[in-house]
Amino acid sequence: MALDRLEAFLKKMQSEPALKNEVLTASTADEVALIALKFGFEFSGDELLRMSGKKLGGVTITKTVLPGEYH
């Protein structure tokens, strides 16, 4: 798993308000992974989802449940 890349991206996100806002408005974990890839941080949406509920790099990763989403 790309924990080191995910942690580095989360640290970058915390230091850049515009990036943080972009991540917070993303609809899916795959979308967040694509945003991260633009900055050279490679991990998958599935890897991000597996971290839901855990704290990494000072950030608690939380999966947002969207209306109409199947579980």
Protein backbone atom coordinates (compact mmCIF):
# COMPACT_ATOMS: atom_id res chain seq x y z
CA MET A 1 0.00 0.00 0.00
CA ALA A 2 1.10 3.53 -0.69
CA LEU A 3 0.87 4.78 2.90
CA ASP A 4 3.93 7.00 2.58
CA ARG A 5 2.56 8.70 -0.56
CA LEU A 6 -0.88 9.09 0.99
CA GLU A 7 0.62 10.58 4.15
CA ALA A 8 2.79 13.00 2.13
CA PHE A 9 -0.26 14.10 0.12
CA LEU A 10 -2.30 14.68 3.29
CA LYS A 11 0.48 16.84 4.72
CA LYS A 12 0.61 18.88 1.51
CA MET A 13 -3.17 19.20 1.56
CA GLN A 14 -3.09 20.55 5.13
CA SER A 15 -0.60 23.26 4.15
CA GLU A 16 -2.46 24.41 1.01
CA PRO A 17 -6.01 25.73 1.57
CA ALA A 18 -6.97 25.61 -2.13
CA LEU A 19 -5.90 21.97 -2.40
CA LYS A 20 -7.72 21.11 0.81
CA ASN A 21 -10.90 22.70 -0.54
CA GLU A 22 -10.56 20.76 -3.80
CA VAL A 23 -10.21 17.49 -1.87
CA LEU A 24 -13.12 18.30 0.44
CA THR A 25 -15.42 18.95 -2.54
CA ALA A 26 -14.44 15.71 -4.32
CA SER A 27 -17.31 13.22 -4.58
CA THR A 28 -15.38 9.97 -4.55
CA ALA A 29 -12.14 8.46 -3.28
CA ASP A 30 -11.11 7.91 -6.90
CA GLU A 31 -11.53 11.65 -7.49
CA VAL A 32 -9.26 12.39 -4.52
CA ALA A 33 -6.70 9.94 -5.92
CA LEU A 34 -6.78 11.74 -9.28
CA ILE A 35 -6.25 15.10 -7.56
CA ALA A 36 -3.27 13.63 -5.70
CA LEU A 37 -1.85 12.19 -8.92
CA LYS A 38 -1.75 15.71 -10.43
CA PHE A 39 0.74 16.54 -7.67
CA GLY A 40 2.78 13.36 -8.12
CA PHE A 41 1.28 11.34 -5.25
CA GLU A 42 0.11 7.96 -6.51
CA PHE A 43 -2.39 5.85 -4.57
CA SER A 44 -5.77 4.39 -5.47
CA GLY A 45 -9.22 5.31 -4.30
CA ASP A 46 -9.51 1.81 -2.83
CA GLU A 47 -6.37 2.36 -0.77
CA LEU A 48 -7.82 5.62 0.50
CA LEU A 49 -11.12 3.95 1.41
CA ARG A 50 -9.30 1.22 3.36
CA MET A 51 -7.88 3.99 5.56
CA SER A 52 -11.33 5.39 6.42
CA GLY A 53 -11.66 6.02 10.13
CA LYS A 54 -7.90 6.01 10.67
CA LYS A 55 -5.58 8.92 11.38
CA LEU A 56 -2.60 9.44 9.10
CA GLY A 57 -0.32 12.46 8.92
CA GLY A 58 -2.41 14.29 11.50
CA VAL A 59 -5.55 13.87 9.38
CA THR A 60 -8.47 11.57 10.14
CA ILE A 61 -9.63 10.00 6.89
CA THR A 62 -13.40 9.89 6.68
CA LYS A 63 -15.55 8.36 3.96
CA THR A 64 -18.48 10.60 3.13
CA VAL A 65 -21.73 8.73 2.54
CA LEU A 66 -23.66 10.23 -0.34
CA PRO A 67 -27.44 9.95 -0.77
CA GLY A 68 -28.35 7.02 -2.99
CA GLU A 69 -24.99 5.32 -2.47
CA TYR A 70 -25.05 1.54 -2.12
CA HIS A 71 -23.06 -0.21 0.63
